[in-house]
Amino acid sequence: MVRNKTDITSEVKLLWGGFLIDLNVQDTLALFGKKARITSYKRDQETVHEAWDESRMIVTCNEADFIRYILEHSKRDSGKTCQDCWGLLVVPSDEIVRNRLIKNVKKGIRMDGEILPWSLAAFANLCISLHSDGTVGVRKFRRCEHCKRENPIESEWYDDLPEIGTRKITNPNN
């Protein structure tokens, strides 16, 4: 059975738990509304597991550590159950700048001329970076085998995104 975009969007909205706010940006909680809460943990690795367990996208300004822990989490992929996290939103460390930028992306981010809602960005396990100059960076984490098989994302914009944790090897002789 082929599912259409509307069915998938509705299903994802039901599955997505919202945002999980890291302690270092807890002042942003009010900007995300009812679909957000602050993590229960001080350690980033525990926050990643908490976000995965609750189907939540992590919000932080600590990009490097969270990327490392999300990649570690995804190494547990057996292909039988979902091990995908629900994405990462990296915001600037400056409170005034991040508050201004978050207000500009309340409903989601612009991809190919359309707004990609946060629930779908989370489902696609994207790493979204809000830069202080107002630009938005979008990369993807590798999806687990279970999700690639059961819930493929068949979209050109998704395929074209750079994948975190992989390196493109170029042949200098070409």
Protein backbone atom coordinates (compact mmCIF):
# COMPACT_ATOMS: atom_id res chain seq x y z
CA MET A 1 0.00 0.00 0.00
CA VAL A 2 1.38 3.41 -0.98
CA ARG A 3 0.78 6.14 1.58
CA ASN A 4 0.25 9.67 0.39
CA LYS A 5 1.96 12.75 1.84
CA THR A 6 -1.12 13.82 3.83
CA ASP A 7 -1.40 10.40 5.54
CA ILE A 8 2.31 10.40 6.43
CA THR A 9 2.16 14.00 7.71
CA SER A 10 -0.82 13.19 9.97
CA GLU A 11 0.84 10.02 11.27
CA VAL A 12 4.11 11.80 12.01
CA LYS A 13 2.31 14.59 13.91
CA LEU A 14 0.86 11.92 16.19
CA LEU A 15 4.24 10.23 16.74
CA TRP A 16 6.35 13.36 17.28
CA GLY A 17 6.73 14.29 20.93
CA GLY A 18 7.84 17.90 20.34
CA PHE A 19 11.05 19.62 21.39
CA LEU A 20 13.40 18.65 24.20
CA ILE A 21 15.27 21.75 25.37
CA ASP A 22 18.86 21.30 26.55
CA LEU A 23 19.72 22.97 29.86
CA ASN A 24 22.12 25.40 28.19
CA VAL A 25 19.24 27.03 26.24
CA GLN A 26 16.40 26.50 28.70
CA ASP A 27 15.42 30.18 28.37
CA THR A 28 13.97 29.29 24.93
CA LEU A 29 11.26 27.06 26.39
CA ALA A 30 8.53 29.70 26.12
CA LEU A 31 9.36 30.27 22.42
CA PHE A 32 8.43 26.68 21.53
CA GLY A 33 5.02 26.55 23.20
CA LYS A 34 3.19 23.50 24.51
CA LYS A 35 5.15 21.01 22.40
CA ALA A 36 8.36 21.58 24.38
CA ARG A 37 9.89 20.75 27.71
CA ILE A 38 13.32 20.96 29.35
CA THR A 39 15.46 17.83 29.61
CA SER A 40 15.56 15.98 32.92
CA TYR A 41 19.30 15.32 32.60
CA LYS A 42 22.53 17.28 32.95
CA ARG A 43 24.57 14.89 30.76
CA ASP A 44 24.15 15.30 27.01
CA GLN A 45 24.32 11.56 26.35
CA GLU A 46 21.35 10.99 28.67
CA THR A 47 19.44 13.81 26.96
CA VAL A 48 19.92 12.07 23.59
CA HIS A 49 18.43 8.85 24.96
CA GLU A 50 15.58 10.79 26.60
CA ALA A 51 14.80 12.54 23.28
CA TRP A 52 14.86 9.23 21.39
CA ASP A 53 12.64 7.56 23.97
CA GLU A 54 10.07 10.39 23.78
CA SER A 55 10.34 11.06 20.00
CA ARG A 56 11.52 14.62 20.59
CA MET A 57 13.85 16.93 18.64
CA ILE A 58 16.69 18.28 20.77
CA VAL A 59 17.27 22.04 20.94
CA THR A 60 20.79 23.08 21.96
CA CYS A 61 23.69 25.39 21.18
CA ASN A 62 26.13 22.54 21.87
CA GLU A 63 26.33 21.10 18.35
CA ALA A 64 29.53 19.01 18.51
CA ASP A 65 28.70 16.95 21.60
CA PHE A 66 25.12 16.27 20.58
CA ILE A 67 26.11 15.20 17.07
CA ARG A 68 28.65 12.80 18.56
CA TYR A 69 26.10 11.29 20.97
CA ILE A 70 23.39 11.01 18.32
CA LEU A 71 25.85 9.18 16.03
CA GLU A 72 26.79 6.86 18.92
CA HIS A 73 23.11 6.18 19.58
CA SER A 74 22.48 5.26 15.95
CA LYS A 75 25.28 2.67 16.00
CA ARG A 76 22.89 0.35 17.88
CA ASP A 77 20.96 -0.19 14.64
CA SER A 78 19.88 -3.83 14.32
CA GLY A 79 17.46 -3.24 11.46
CA LYS A 80 14.63 -4.70 13.55
CA THR A 81 13.53 -1.66 15.54
CA CYS A 82 13.83 2.08 15.02
CA GLN A 83 17.01 3.63 16.40
CA ASP A 84 16.61 7.02 14.72
CA CYS A 85 16.72 10.07 16.87
CA TRP A 86 14.26 12.83 16.06
CA GLY A 87 16.71 15.43 14.88
CA LEU A 88 18.67 18.30 16.33
CA LEU A 89 18.01 22.03 16.27
CA VAL A 90 21.20 24.00 16.86
CA VAL A 91 20.65 27.58 17.94
CA PRO A 92 23.21 30.37 18.51
CA SER A 93 24.65 30.72 21.98
CA ASP A 94 23.76 34.43 22.15
CA GLU A 95 20.32 34.63 23.80
CA ILE A 96 19.11 37.76 21.99
CA VAL A 97 20.10 36.40 18.56
CA ARG A 98 18.63 32.95 19.11
CA ASN A 99 15.33 34.35 20.39
CA ARG A 100 15.01 36.50 17.26
CA LEU A 101 15.82 33.57 14.97
CA ILE A 102 13.51 31.06 16.66
CA LYS A 103 10.59 33.46 16.19
CA ASN A 104 11.28 33.34 12.42
CA VAL A 105 10.91 29.54 12.23
CA LYS A 106 7.90 28.93 14.50
CA LYS A 107 6.11 26.63 12.04
CA GLY A 108 9.19 25.01 10.48
CA ILE A 109 11.92 25.70 7.96
CA ARG A 110 11.72 26.59 4.29
CA MET A 111 12.76 23.76 1.95
CA ASP A 112 12.27 24.00 -1.81
CA GLY A 113 9.96 26.98 -1.42
CA GLU A 114 7.63 25.28 1.08
CA ILE A 115 7.55 25.18 4.86
CA LEU A 116 8.75 21.84 6.21
CA PRO A 117 6.92 21.46 9.56
CA TRP A 118 9.03 20.63 12.61
CA SER A 119 7.34 17.25 12.97
CA LEU A 120 8.51 16.20 9.49
CA ALA A 121 11.98 17.66 10.01
CA ALA A 122 12.19 15.58 13.19
CA PHE A 123 10.87 12.46 11.45
CA ALA A 124 13.57 12.86 8.78
CA ASN A 125 16.18 13.07 11.59
CA LEU A 126 17.56 16.38 10.36
CA CYS A 127 20.21 18.57 11.94
CA ILE A 128 19.07 22.15 11.49
CA SER A 129 21.36 25.03 12.40
CA LEU A 130 20.09 28.55 12.86
CA HIS A 131 23.01 30.86 12.06
CA SER A 132 23.33 34.33 13.57
CA ASP A 133 23.22 35.92 10.09
CA GLY A 134 19.70 34.50 9.61
CA THR A 135 20.64 31.62 7.31
CA VAL A 136 19.56 28.08 8.06
CA GLY A 137 21.83 25.06 7.58
CA VAL A 138 20.24 21.66 7.01
CA ARG A 139 21.99 18.30 7.12
CA LYS A 140 20.70 14.81 7.77
CA PHE A 141 21.67 12.03 10.09
CA ARG A 142 21.79 8.56 8.58
CA ARG A 143 18.41 6.87 9.05
CA CYS A 144 18.24 3.42 10.64
CA GLU A 145 17.65 0.38 8.43
CA HIS A 146 14.20 -0.17 9.92
CA CYS A 147 13.04 3.34 8.96
CA LYS A 148 14.67 3.26 5.54
CA ARG A 149 12.72 0.09 4.82
CA GLU A 150 9.40 0.86 6.58
CA ASN A 151 9.20 4.66 6.16
CA PRO A 152 11.36 5.72 3.21
CA ILE A 153 11.74 9.40 2.42
CA GLU A 154 11.52 9.62 -1.33
CA SER A 155 12.21 13.25 -2.05
CA GLU A 156 14.90 14.95 -4.08
CA TRP A 157 15.49 17.68 -1.49
CA TYR A 158 16.13 15.00 1.14
CA ASP A 159 18.46 12.98 -1.09
CA ASP A 160 20.53 16.10 -1.82
CA LEU A 161 21.19 16.94 1.83
CA PRO A 162 24.70 16.27 3.15
CA GLU A 163 24.82 13.37 5.61
CA ILE A 164 26.49 13.87 8.97
CA GLY A 165 29.20 11.38 9.79
CA THR A 166 30.06 10.34 6.26
CA ARG A 167 32.84 11.64 4.12
CA LYS A 168 32.77 11.85 0.41
CA ILE A 169 35.92 10.26 -0.93
CA THR A 170 37.13 11.81 -4.10
CA ASN A 171 39.67 10.25 -6.40
CA PRO A 172 42.42 12.79 -7.11
CA ASN A 173 43.15 11.00 -10.40
CA ASN A 174 39.73 11.89 -11.87
